[in-house]
Amino acid sequence: MDSLQEAAAADETLDPPDWTEVEALSHRIVDDAIAYLKDVRERPVWREMPAEVRSFFSAPLPRSPAPAADVYDDVARNLMPYPMGNIHPRFWSWYMGSSNFTGALGDFLAAIQGSNLGGGNHAAGLMDKQVVNWMKEMVGFPASASGTLVSGGSMANIIGLTVARNVKAGVDVRERGVGAMPKPLRYYASDQVHSCHRKAVEALGLGNRALRRISTDAGLRIDIAALKAAIAEDREAGFRPACVIGTAGTVNTGAVDDLQALASVAAEEDLWFHVDGCIGALIAIAPENRSLVAGIEQADSIALDPHKWLHAPFEAGCALVRDASQHRNTFAVTPEYLESTPRGLASGEWLHDYGLQTSRGFRALKIWMALKEHGVEKFGRLIDQNIAQARHLTRLIEAEPALELMSPTIINIVSFRHRLDGASEEKLKAFNTEIMLRLQEEGIAVLSDTTVQGRHCLRVAIANHRTRRDDLDLLVSEVLRLGQEIAAATPV
């Protein structure tokens, strides 16, 4: 054997030496995965990890190989039994979808195919564009609009707000920077706006003060009169009002701003109209409740999350922009190593021209497969179902003297707390927090907590296709049980 042959024989690969063993292990993993989902209701929503499991994650860097079956055994023993819990039917904390098996298969196949969705002439790129087109259709955007799949709502909002900055800057801000703007920009949103918008304006070089939080009405929607007054005040002070952010489902209570009124204000004041629809934009496909987001189709840009009410496995967000040229002009860069060619792989569109990532995962397949399997109408019915379940929970709370509803239930988020006679706000917070923690620790349900108009409360966000009404009946009975137990041991 000559030296070239010897070198070829010594070349290494990550492919297994025996595909038969991998096939057997893969079948085992799929069988376990099906059982994991099929029996999810029988497991605790969440549970604390024992010390020995925590110590497993402090193991040193592996230097030598281990059999793949042993690696999977470690995963099955130390990872799978201790999830965040959001696939469980009684996980209602924060705001997350609950995934779906077909979407998980899509993620697996996307990883197997291995395409980089920075762009190019290949099938995954076409599917990415197709899914974006479907998203546009769902919210009533024109076919001429553009969009991009991103990691989630925070990044989708950054995309929309970046386009708004560049369009309204008054200079070529890409070339000259924000310091060259003739007037400082101002963005407007309700005082219930998600914290990602603060991060966005800071990252855009505008500073937190550029985002004016406008007071809200009794329904926790942005006050239109207060918004107009703030715009006039800023113009008088030498600022340039640039963008109004409408929220289609606030994170605290699910309040939906009057999007039609905001669209009118934006048109009258020459503002960019961005909608943060990460919670509620997809109500547009829900037959019974779509009127709640009327006006979303008038936005200049929209952020939405397929990993919420389309239940795509994490992570999957989407930014849509009405004017495709404004979108592309905000991000496109063509270095010499990414020039297009008339034929071949580089003849396809460069999808990275619509966002910040050059390397992009193949997020579209998991969304595409689930939509093809179930159809968009079923996802719309599931959204209506969650909203109906929230109203059911609201009625249970209103019927129970020991419980107090803390804000109107608009969509699928219910804010409430357990009363404690004679207790201060501080004591009420500690009391309800203890109820929340015991629900978690006993594996019954996972809620979150928040503060609404200065008052602490528990928060149930029902964005789960596995939730049933009897889960909510159980929640109320367990909150009452725990409240009684804790109150008996808690001096007021």
Protein backbone atom coordinates (compact mmCIF):
# COMPACT_ATOMS: atom_id res chain seq x y z
CA MET A 1 0.00 0.00 0.00
CA ASP A 2 1.49 3.36 -1.04
CA SER A 3 1.42 6.46 1.16
CA LEU A 4 -1.70 7.92 -0.51
CA GLN A 5 -3.62 4.70 0.05
CA GLU A 6 -2.45 4.56 3.65
CA ALA A 7 -3.60 8.14 4.24
CA ALA A 8 -7.02 7.41 2.70
CA ALA A 9 -7.42 4.34 4.88
CA ALA A 10 -6.66 6.44 7.96
CA ASP A 11 -9.20 9.18 7.18
CA GLU A 12 -11.79 9.51 9.93
CA THR A 13 -15.50 10.26 9.78
CA LEU A 14 -18.38 10.80 12.18
CA ASP A 15 -20.47 8.19 10.38
CA PRO A 16 -20.90 4.97 12.38
CA PRO A 17 -18.81 1.91 11.50
CA ASP A 18 -21.96 -0.24 11.75
CA TRP A 19 -25.18 1.29 10.41
CA THR A 20 -27.16 -1.74 11.62
CA GLU A 21 -26.52 -0.80 15.25
CA VAL A 22 -27.53 2.80 14.55
CA GLU A 23 -30.73 1.63 12.91
CA ALA A 24 -31.66 -0.44 15.96
CA LEU A 25 -30.89 2.46 18.33
CA SER A 26 -32.88 4.86 16.16
CA HIS A 27 -35.94 2.62 16.29
CA ARG A 28 -35.60 2.47 20.06
CA ILE A 29 -35.36 6.27 20.31
CA VAL A 30 -38.47 6.75 18.15
CA ASP A 31 -40.40 4.19 20.20
CA ASP A 32 -39.37 5.96 23.39
CA ALA A 33 -40.33 9.33 21.93
CA ILE A 34 -43.82 8.14 21.03
CA ALA A 35 -44.29 6.71 24.53
CA TYR A 36 -42.97 9.96 26.03
CA LEU A 37 -45.68 12.00 24.32
CA LYS A 38 -48.44 9.42 24.57
CA ASP A 39 -48.07 9.21 28.35
CA VAL A 40 -47.24 12.87 29.03
CA ARG A 41 -50.47 13.44 30.96
CA GLU A 42 -49.51 10.74 33.48
CA ARG A 43 -46.24 12.44 34.45
CA PRO A 44 -45.65 15.47 36.68
CA VAL A 45 -45.67 18.74 34.79
CA TRP A 46 -42.32 19.61 36.38
CA ARG A 47 -40.15 18.15 39.08
CA GLU A 48 -36.98 19.11 40.85
CA MET A 49 -33.82 17.27 39.82
CA PRO A 50 -32.13 15.12 42.47
CA ALA A 51 -28.58 16.01 43.43
CA GLU A 52 -27.12 13.09 41.48
CA VAL A 53 -28.79 14.29 38.30
CA ARG A 54 -27.49 17.83 38.78
CA SER A 55 -23.99 16.47 39.36
CA PHE A 56 -24.19 14.58 36.05
CA PHE A 57 -24.13 17.92 34.24
CA SER A 58 -20.85 18.83 35.92
CA ALA A 59 -18.97 15.97 34.29
CA PRO A 60 -15.74 16.96 32.53
CA LEU A 61 -15.24 17.24 28.77
CA PRO A 62 -15.34 13.78 27.17
CA ARG A 63 -11.94 12.90 25.67
CA SER A 64 -12.59 9.42 24.31
CA PRO A 65 -15.54 7.80 22.54
CA ALA A 66 -18.50 6.01 24.11
CA PRO A 67 -21.05 3.71 22.46
CA ALA A 68 -24.02 5.65 21.06
CA ALA A 69 -26.41 3.43 23.03
CA ASP A 70 -24.68 4.44 26.27
CA VAL A 71 -24.89 8.10 25.27
CA TYR A 72 -28.61 7.75 24.70
CA ASP A 73 -29.01 5.97 28.04
CA ASP A 74 -27.50 9.04 29.71
CA VAL A 75 -30.01 11.24 27.91
CA ALA A 76 -32.96 9.00 28.76
CA ARG A 77 -31.98 8.83 32.42
CA ASN A 78 -30.82 12.39 33.15
CA LEU A 79 -32.50 14.69 30.62
CA MET A 80 -35.85 13.40 29.45
CA PRO A 81 -37.48 12.97 32.90
CA TYR A 82 -36.76 16.61 33.87
CA PRO A 83 -38.20 18.88 31.16
CA MET A 84 -39.33 22.47 31.42
CA GLY A 85 -42.75 20.92 31.01
CA ASN A 86 -44.33 22.99 28.23
CA ILE A 87 -45.56 19.95 26.29
CA HIS A 88 -47.66 18.90 29.32
CA PRO A 89 -51.39 19.75 29.20
CA ARG A 90 -51.20 21.58 32.54
CA PHE A 91 -48.25 23.81 31.66
CA TRP A 92 -49.63 27.36 31.52
CA SER A 93 -46.59 29.36 32.56
CA TRP A 94 -45.29 32.22 30.45
CA TYR A 95 -46.45 31.72 26.88
CA MET A 96 -45.30 28.74 24.86
CA GLY A 97 -46.73 26.28 22.42
CA SER A 98 -46.68 22.60 23.22
CA SER A 99 -44.95 21.19 20.12
CA ASN A 100 -46.24 18.31 18.02
CA PHE A 101 -44.82 14.96 16.96
CA THR A 102 -44.92 15.62 13.23
CA GLY A 103 -43.05 18.87 13.77
CA ALA A 104 -40.44 16.98 15.77
CA LEU A 105 -40.01 14.58 12.87
CA GLY A 106 -39.61 17.60 10.63
CA ASP A 107 -36.83 18.93 12.85
CA PHE A 108 -35.12 15.53 12.67
CA LEU A 109 -35.38 15.38 8.88
CA ALA A 110 -34.17 18.98 8.58
CA ALA A 111 -31.11 18.05 10.62
CA ILE A 112 -30.54 14.94 8.50
CA GLN A 113 -30.75 16.91 5.26
CA GLY A 114 -28.50 19.51 6.84
CA SER A 115 -29.28 22.46 4.55
CA ASN A 116 -28.12 25.94 5.50
CA LEU A 117 -30.97 28.33 4.85
CA GLY A 118 -28.75 31.29 4.15
CA GLY A 119 -30.11 30.80 0.68
CA GLY A 120 -29.26 29.21 -2.62
CA ASN A 121 -30.96 27.13 -5.29
CA HIS A 122 -32.20 24.08 -3.39
CA ALA A 123 -35.51 22.67 -2.18
CA ALA A 124 -35.17 23.77 1.44
CA GLY A 125 -34.85 27.40 0.33
CA LEU A 126 -38.04 27.13 -1.70
CA MET A 127 -39.86 25.56 1.26
CA ASP A 128 -38.65 28.36 3.54
CA LYS A 129 -40.13 30.94 1.16
CA GLN A 130 -43.34 28.90 0.86
CA VAL A 131 -43.86 28.84 4.63
CA VAL A 132 -43.28 32.60 4.79
CA ASN A 133 -45.88 33.00 2.03
CA TRP A 134 -48.32 30.93 4.08
CA MET A 135 -47.70 33.18 7.08
CA LYS A 136 -48.45 36.24 4.97
CA GLU A 137 -51.72 34.68 3.83
CA MET A 138 -52.72 33.81 7.40
CA VAL A 139 -52.53 37.43 8.59
CA GLY A 140 -53.86 39.04 5.41
CA PHE A 141 -50.60 40.46 4.06
CA PRO A 142 -50.25 40.93 0.29
CA ALA A 143 -48.34 38.38 -1.77
CA SER A 144 -45.82 41.11 -2.63
CA ALA A 145 -44.76 41.43 1.03
CA SER A 146 -41.61 39.75 2.30
CA GLY A 147 -40.63 37.89 5.43
CA THR A 148 -38.09 35.73 7.11
CA LEU A 149 -38.11 32.87 9.59
CA VAL A 150 -36.13 33.64 12.74
CA SER A 151 -35.54 32.19 16.19
CA GLY A 152 -38.60 33.67 17.87
CA GLY A 153 -40.57 36.76 18.72
CA SER A 154 -37.72 38.85 20.10
CA MET A 155 -35.74 38.52 16.89
CA ALA A 156 -38.85 38.97 14.74
CA ASN A 157 -39.57 42.25 16.51
CA ILE A 158 -35.96 43.38 16.07
CA ILE A 159 -36.27 42.75 12.32
CA GLY A 160 -39.41 44.87 12.01
CA LEU A 161 -38.12 47.69 14.22
CA THR A 162 -34.80 47.78 12.36
CA VAL A 163 -36.58 48.28 9.03
CA ALA A 164 -38.65 51.01 10.67
CA ARG A 165 -35.50 52.77 11.91
CA ASN A 166 -33.81 52.68 8.52
CA VAL A 167 -36.90 53.87 6.64
CA LYS A 168 -37.58 56.74 9.06
CA ALA A 169 -34.00 57.77 9.91
CA GLY A 170 -33.81 60.63 7.42
CA VAL A 171 -30.30 59.57 6.36
CA ASP A 172 -28.57 56.45 5.06
CA VAL A 173 -28.23 55.04 8.54
CA ARG A 174 -26.50 51.89 7.28
CA GLU A 175 -23.68 53.96 5.87
CA ARG A 176 -23.52 56.85 8.33
CA GLY A 177 -24.92 55.43 11.57
CA VAL A 178 -27.51 56.72 14.01
CA GLY A 179 -25.29 59.65 14.99
CA ALA A 180 -25.96 61.21 11.60
CA MET A 181 -29.73 61.30 11.99
CA PRO A 182 -30.99 64.88 11.88
CA LYS A 183 -33.50 64.22 14.67
CA PRO A 184 -33.62 61.51 17.35
CA LEU A 185 -36.31 58.94 16.60
CA ARG A 186 -39.17 58.06 18.90
CA TYR A 187 -41.04 54.76 19.04
CA TYR A 188 -44.37 54.35 20.87
CA ALA A 189 -45.97 51.36 22.56
CA SER A 190 -48.30 50.70 25.47
CA ASP A 191 -46.98 50.39 29.00
CA GLN A 192 -47.77 46.67 28.68
CA VAL A 193 -45.30 46.15 25.81
CA HIS A 194 -42.96 43.15 25.93
CA SER A 195 -39.44 43.75 27.25
CA CYS A 196 -37.88 42.62 23.96
CA HIS A 197 -38.76 46.04 22.51
CA ARG A 198 -36.52 47.75 25.01
CA LYS A 199 -33.71 45.42 24.00
CA ALA A 200 -34.46 46.20 20.36
CA VAL A 201 -34.26 50.00 20.65
CA GLU A 202 -31.11 49.68 22.72
CA ALA A 203 -29.51 47.36 20.16
CA LEU A 204 -30.54 49.77 17.38
CA GLY A 205 -28.53 52.52 19.07
CA LEU A 206 -31.61 54.59 19.89
CA GLY A 207 -31.58 54.06 23.64
CA ASN A 208 -34.32 53.05 26.02
CA ARG A 209 -35.67 56.60 26.19
CA ALA A 210 -36.53 56.39 22.50
CA LEU A 211 -39.32 53.96 23.40
CA ARG A 212 -42.18 55.90 24.96
CA ARG A 213 -44.55 53.76 27.00
CA ILE A 214 -48.07 55.10 26.61
CA SER A 215 -50.67 54.66 29.34
CA THR A 216 -53.44 52.12 28.86
CA ASP A 217 -57.20 52.17 29.27
CA ALA A 218 -59.37 50.01 31.53
CA GLY A 219 -58.89 47.08 29.13
CA LEU A 220 -55.10 47.55 29.28
CA ARG A 221 -54.99 48.66 25.64
CA ILE A 222 -52.91 51.61 24.48
CA ASP A 223 -54.74 54.87 25.06
CA ILE A 224 -55.14 56.48 21.64
CA ALA A 225 -55.61 60.03 22.96
CA ALA A 226 -52.50 59.70 25.11
CA LEU A 227 -50.58 58.37 22.12
CA LYS A 228 -51.53 61.35 19.95
CA ALA A 229 -50.58 63.74 22.74
CA ALA A 230 -47.15 62.09 23.11
CA ILE A 231 -46.51 62.31 19.37
CA ALA A 232 -47.37 66.01 19.32
CA GLU A 233 -45.22 66.65 22.39
CA ASP A 234 -42.22 64.90 20.86
CA ARG A 235 -42.51 66.79 17.58
CA GLU A 236 -42.62 70.06 19.50
CA ALA A 237 -39.51 69.00 21.43
CA GLY A 238 -37.52 68.33 18.25
CA PHE A 239 -37.80 64.54 18.05
CA ARG A 240 -38.96 62.59 15.03
CA PRO A 241 -41.89 60.24 15.77
CA ALA A 242 -41.04 57.16 13.74
CA CYS A 243 -42.94 54.04 14.75
CA VAL A 244 -45.97 52.93 16.72
CA ILE A 245 -45.99 49.38 18.05
CA GLY A 246 -49.37 47.74 18.41
CA THR A 247 -49.58 44.66 20.59
CA ALA A 248 -51.85 41.83 19.53
CA GLY A 249 -51.92 40.07 22.89
CA THR A 250 -49.90 41.53 25.75
CA VAL A 251 -47.82 39.11 27.75
CA ASN A 252 -49.38 40.07 31.09
CA THR A 253 -53.07 39.84 30.29
CA GLY A 254 -53.55 39.13 26.58
CA ALA A 255 -54.92 42.61 25.91
CA VAL A 256 -55.17 43.47 22.21
CA ASP A 257 -54.59 47.07 21.19
CA ASP A 258 -57.10 48.68 18.83
CA LEU A 259 -55.09 47.87 15.72
CA GLN A 260 -57.45 49.65 13.36
CA ALA A 261 -57.18 52.87 15.37
CA LEU A 262 -53.40 52.54 15.50
CA ALA A 263 -53.25 52.03 11.74
CA SER A 264 -55.18 55.28 11.33
CA VAL A 265 -52.88 57.16 13.70
CA ALA A 266 -49.82 55.81 11.89
CA ALA A 267 -51.21 56.92 8.53
CA GLU A 268 -52.14 60.40 9.83
CA GLU A 269 -48.80 60.93 11.57
CA ASP A 270 -46.55 59.28 8.95
CA LEU A 271 -45.39 56.58 11.36
CA TRP A 272 -44.27 53.04 10.68
CA PHE A 273 -46.92 50.67 12.06
CA HIS A 274 -45.42 47.55 13.60
CA VAL A 275 -47.53 44.85 15.27
CA ASP A 276 -46.06 42.60 17.94
CA GLY A 277 -48.28 39.61 17.25
CA CYS A 278 -46.12 36.98 18.90
CA ILE A 279 -48.98 36.05 21.20
CA GLY A 280 -52.08 36.87 19.19
CA ALA A 281 -51.38 37.48 15.50
CA LEU A 282 -52.52 34.00 14.57
CA ILE A 283 -55.97 34.68 16.02
CA ALA A 284 -56.42 35.89 12.44
CA ILE A 285 -56.95 32.22 11.45
CA ALA A 286 -59.43 31.49 14.29
CA PRO A 287 -62.99 31.53 12.92
CA GLU A 288 -64.72 32.59 16.14
CA ASN A 289 -62.25 35.22 17.34
CA ARG A 290 -60.44 36.64 14.30
CA SER A 291 -62.23 39.99 14.71
CA LEU A 292 -60.12 40.58 17.83
CA VAL A 293 -57.09 41.32 15.62
CA ALA A 294 -58.88 43.24 12.88
CA GLY A 295 -56.47 45.78 11.43
CA ILE A 296 -53.37 43.60 11.70
CA GLU A 297 -53.35 43.35 7.90
CA GLN A 298 -52.72 47.13 7.73
CA ALA A 299 -49.36 46.89 9.52
CA ASP A 300 -46.05 47.75 7.88
CA SER A 301 -44.43 44.86 9.74
CA ILE A 302 -45.58 42.01 11.97
CA ALA A 303 -43.78 39.70 14.37
CA LEU A 304 -45.37 36.31 15.03
CA ASP A 305 -44.37 32.98 16.51
CA PRO A 306 -45.12 29.60 14.86
CA HIS A 307 -43.72 27.97 18.00
CA LYS A 308 -46.69 29.31 19.95
CA TRP A 309 -50.12 28.74 18.40
CA LEU A 310 -48.87 26.67 15.47
CA HIS A 311 -47.11 24.48 18.06
CA ALA A 312 -43.91 24.13 16.06
CA PRO A 313 -41.06 22.70 18.13
CA PHE A 314 -38.75 25.43 19.39
CA GLU A 315 -37.52 27.55 17.87
CA ALA A 316 -39.55 29.23 15.13
CA GLY A 317 -40.43 32.90 14.76
CA CYS A 318 -41.39 34.94 11.72
CA ALA A 319 -41.00 38.59 10.72
CA LEU A 320 -43.18 39.95 7.91
CA VAL A 321 -42.63 43.29 6.15
CA ARG A 322 -45.16 44.82 3.78
CA ASP A 323 -42.59 46.50 1.51
CA ALA A 324 -40.15 43.84 0.34
CA SER A 325 -37.64 46.36 -1.00
CA GLN A 326 -37.49 48.23 2.32
CA HIS A 327 -36.96 44.90 4.07
CA ARG A 328 -34.14 43.78 1.79
CA ASN A 329 -32.47 47.19 1.71
CA THR A 330 -32.19 47.11 5.49
CA PHE A 331 -30.07 43.94 5.60
CA ALA A 332 -28.71 42.92 2.19
CA VAL A 333 -24.94 42.69 1.76
CA THR A 334 -23.29 40.97 -1.20
CA PRO A 335 -19.67 40.06 -0.49
CA GLU A 336 -17.55 38.62 -3.28
CA TYR A 337 -17.86 35.11 -1.90
CA LEU A 338 -21.68 35.20 -2.03
CA GLU A 339 -22.26 36.59 -5.50
CA SER A 340 -25.10 35.05 -7.49
CA THR A 341 -24.51 32.94 -10.60
CA PRO A 342 -26.79 32.46 -13.62
CA ARG A 343 -27.09 28.73 -12.94
CA GLY A 344 -26.26 26.24 -10.21
CA LEU A 345 -26.51 26.40 -6.45
CA ALA A 346 -25.75 30.11 -6.14
CA SER A 347 -28.51 31.07 -8.60
CA GLY A 348 -31.18 30.93 -5.90
CA GLU A 349 -32.20 33.85 -3.71
CA TRP A 350 -29.98 34.65 -0.74
CA LEU A 351 -32.42 34.46 2.18
CA HIS A 352 -29.87 35.96 4.56
CA ASP A 353 -30.51 39.29 2.83
CA TYR A 354 -33.67 39.63 4.95
CA GLY A 355 -32.19 39.33 8.42
CA LEU A 356 -29.08 39.25 10.58
CA GLN A 357 -28.03 35.61 10.21
CA THR A 358 -25.94 34.34 7.32
CA SER A 359 -26.15 30.80 8.63
CA ARG A 360 -29.80 29.91 9.13
CA GLY A 361 -31.32 26.65 10.32
CA PHE A 362 -33.97 24.84 8.29
CA ARG A 363 -36.91 25.93 10.46
CA ALA A 364 -39.51 25.69 7.73
CA LEU A 365 -39.84 21.91 7.47
CA LYS A 366 -41.35 21.34 10.92
CA ILE A 367 -43.93 24.08 10.27
CA TRP A 368 -44.64 22.86 6.74
CA MET A 369 -45.18 19.22 7.72
CA ALA A 370 -47.60 20.02 10.57
CA LEU A 371 -49.61 22.45 8.43
CA LYS A 372 -49.81 19.89 5.63
CA GLU A 373 -50.89 17.14 8.04
CA HIS A 374 -53.56 19.07 9.94
CA GLY A 375 -54.49 22.02 7.72
CA VAL A 376 -54.63 25.61 8.84
CA GLU A 377 -58.33 25.37 9.73
CA LYS A 378 -57.60 22.92 12.52
CA PHE A 379 -54.99 25.23 14.01
CA GLY A 380 -57.59 28.00 13.91
CA ARG A 381 -60.07 25.82 15.79
CA LEU A 382 -57.42 24.99 18.40
CA ILE A 383 -56.88 28.72 18.98
CA ASP A 384 -60.62 29.19 19.48
CA GLN A 385 -60.55 26.20 21.82
CA ASN A 386 -57.84 27.74 24.01
CA ILE A 387 -59.72 31.04 24.16
CA ALA A 388 -62.91 29.19 25.15
CA GLN A 389 -60.96 27.33 27.85
CA ALA A 390 -59.69 30.65 29.24
CA ARG A 391 -63.26 31.91 29.44
CA HIS A 392 -64.24 28.69 31.23
CA LEU A 393 -61.48 29.24 33.78
CA THR A 394 -62.59 32.85 34.18
CA ARG A 395 -66.14 31.73 35.01
CA LEU A 396 -64.80 29.28 37.60
CA ILE A 397 -62.77 32.05 39.24
CA GLU A 398 -65.65 34.51 39.24
CA ALA A 399 -67.90 31.89 40.84
CA GLU A 400 -65.45 31.20 43.68
CA PRO A 401 -65.45 33.77 46.53
CA ALA A 402 -61.91 32.82 47.58
CA LEU A 403 -60.52 33.78 44.17
CA GLU A 404 -60.24 37.17 42.48
CA LEU A 405 -59.95 37.92 38.77
CA MET A 406 -57.27 40.59 38.31
CA SER A 407 -57.89 41.75 34.74
CA PRO A 408 -60.39 41.16 31.95
CA THR A 409 -59.88 37.91 30.03
CA ILE A 410 -59.54 38.98 26.40
CA ILE A 411 -57.97 35.97 24.73
CA ASN A 412 -56.31 33.01 26.42
CA ILE A 413 -54.51 34.58 29.40
CA VAL A 414 -56.19 34.64 32.80
CA SER A 415 -54.74 36.69 35.66
CA PHE A 416 -56.11 35.98 39.13
CA ARG A 417 -55.14 35.47 42.74
CA HIS A 418 -56.31 33.78 45.90
CA ARG A 419 -57.75 36.18 48.45
CA LEU A 420 -56.45 36.31 52.01
CA ASP A 421 -58.65 38.31 54.33
CA GLY A 422 -56.92 41.19 56.03
CA ALA A 423 -53.61 40.62 54.26
CA SER A 424 -51.42 43.39 52.89
CA GLU A 425 -50.30 43.38 49.26
CA GLU A 426 -46.93 42.08 50.41
CA LYS A 427 -48.55 39.18 52.29
CA LEU A 428 -50.85 38.45 49.34
CA LYS A 429 -47.85 38.22 47.04
CA ALA A 430 -46.04 35.80 49.33
CA PHE A 431 -49.21 33.76 49.82
CA ASN A 432 -49.98 33.39 46.11
CA THR A 433 -46.35 32.78 45.23
CA GLU A 434 -46.34 29.89 47.69
CA ILE A 435 -49.44 28.45 46.03
CA MET A 436 -47.71 28.70 42.64
CA LEU A 437 -44.53 27.02 43.88
CA ARG A 438 -46.39 24.16 45.54
CA LEU A 439 -48.37 23.54 42.36
CA GLN A 440 -45.02 23.18 40.59
CA GLU A 441 -43.33 21.10 43.25
CA GLU A 442 -46.26 18.69 43.50
CA GLY A 443 -46.23 18.30 39.71
CA ILE A 444 -49.86 19.44 39.42
CA ALA A 445 -49.57 22.49 37.16
CA VAL A 446 -47.10 25.19 36.21
CA LEU A 447 -48.30 28.79 36.35
CA SER A 448 -46.33 32.01 36.30
CA ASP A 449 -46.87 35.20 38.24
CA THR A 450 -46.81 38.86 37.28
CA THR A 451 -47.92 42.30 38.39
CA VAL A 452 -50.94 43.98 36.82
CA GLN A 453 -51.60 47.64 37.63
CA GLY A 454 -49.42 47.39 40.71
CA ARG A 455 -51.01 44.22 42.09
CA HIS A 456 -49.34 40.82 42.13
CA CYS A 457 -51.26 37.90 40.64
CA LEU A 458 -51.01 34.43 39.20
CA ARG A 459 -51.14 34.03 35.45
CA VAL A 460 -52.48 31.17 33.34
CA ALA A 461 -51.58 31.26 29.64
CA ILE A 462 -53.48 28.50 27.83
CA ALA A 463 -51.61 27.89 24.58
CA ASN A 464 -51.66 24.11 24.68
CA HIS A 465 -53.44 21.77 22.30
CA ARG A 466 -53.45 19.05 24.98
CA THR A 467 -55.29 21.06 27.65
CA ARG A 468 -58.84 19.96 28.53
CA ARG A 469 -61.46 21.74 30.58
CA ASP A 470 -61.14 19.20 33.37
CA ASP A 471 -57.47 20.25 33.71
CA LEU A 472 -58.71 23.74 34.52
CA ASP A 473 -61.31 22.38 36.94
CA LEU A 474 -58.47 20.53 38.67
CA LEU A 475 -56.39 23.72 38.79
CA VAL A 476 -59.09 25.65 40.63
CA SER A 477 -59.71 22.87 43.13
CA GLU A 478 -55.97 22.49 43.83
CA VAL A 479 -55.47 26.26 44.23
CA LEU A 480 -58.29 26.27 46.76
CA ARG A 481 -56.85 23.26 48.59
CA LEU A 482 -53.37 24.72 48.78
CA GLY A 483 -54.71 28.14 49.70
CA GLN A 484 -56.59 26.66 52.62
CA GLU A 485 -53.54 24.71 53.80
CA ILE A 486 -51.15 27.64 53.51
CA ALA A 487 -53.61 30.11 55.08
CA ALA A 488 -53.99 27.85 58.08
CA ALA A 489 -50.24 28.09 58.68
CA THR A 490 -49.82 31.76 57.67
CA PRO A 491 -50.37 34.54 60.20
CA VAL A 492 -51.96 37.58 58.52
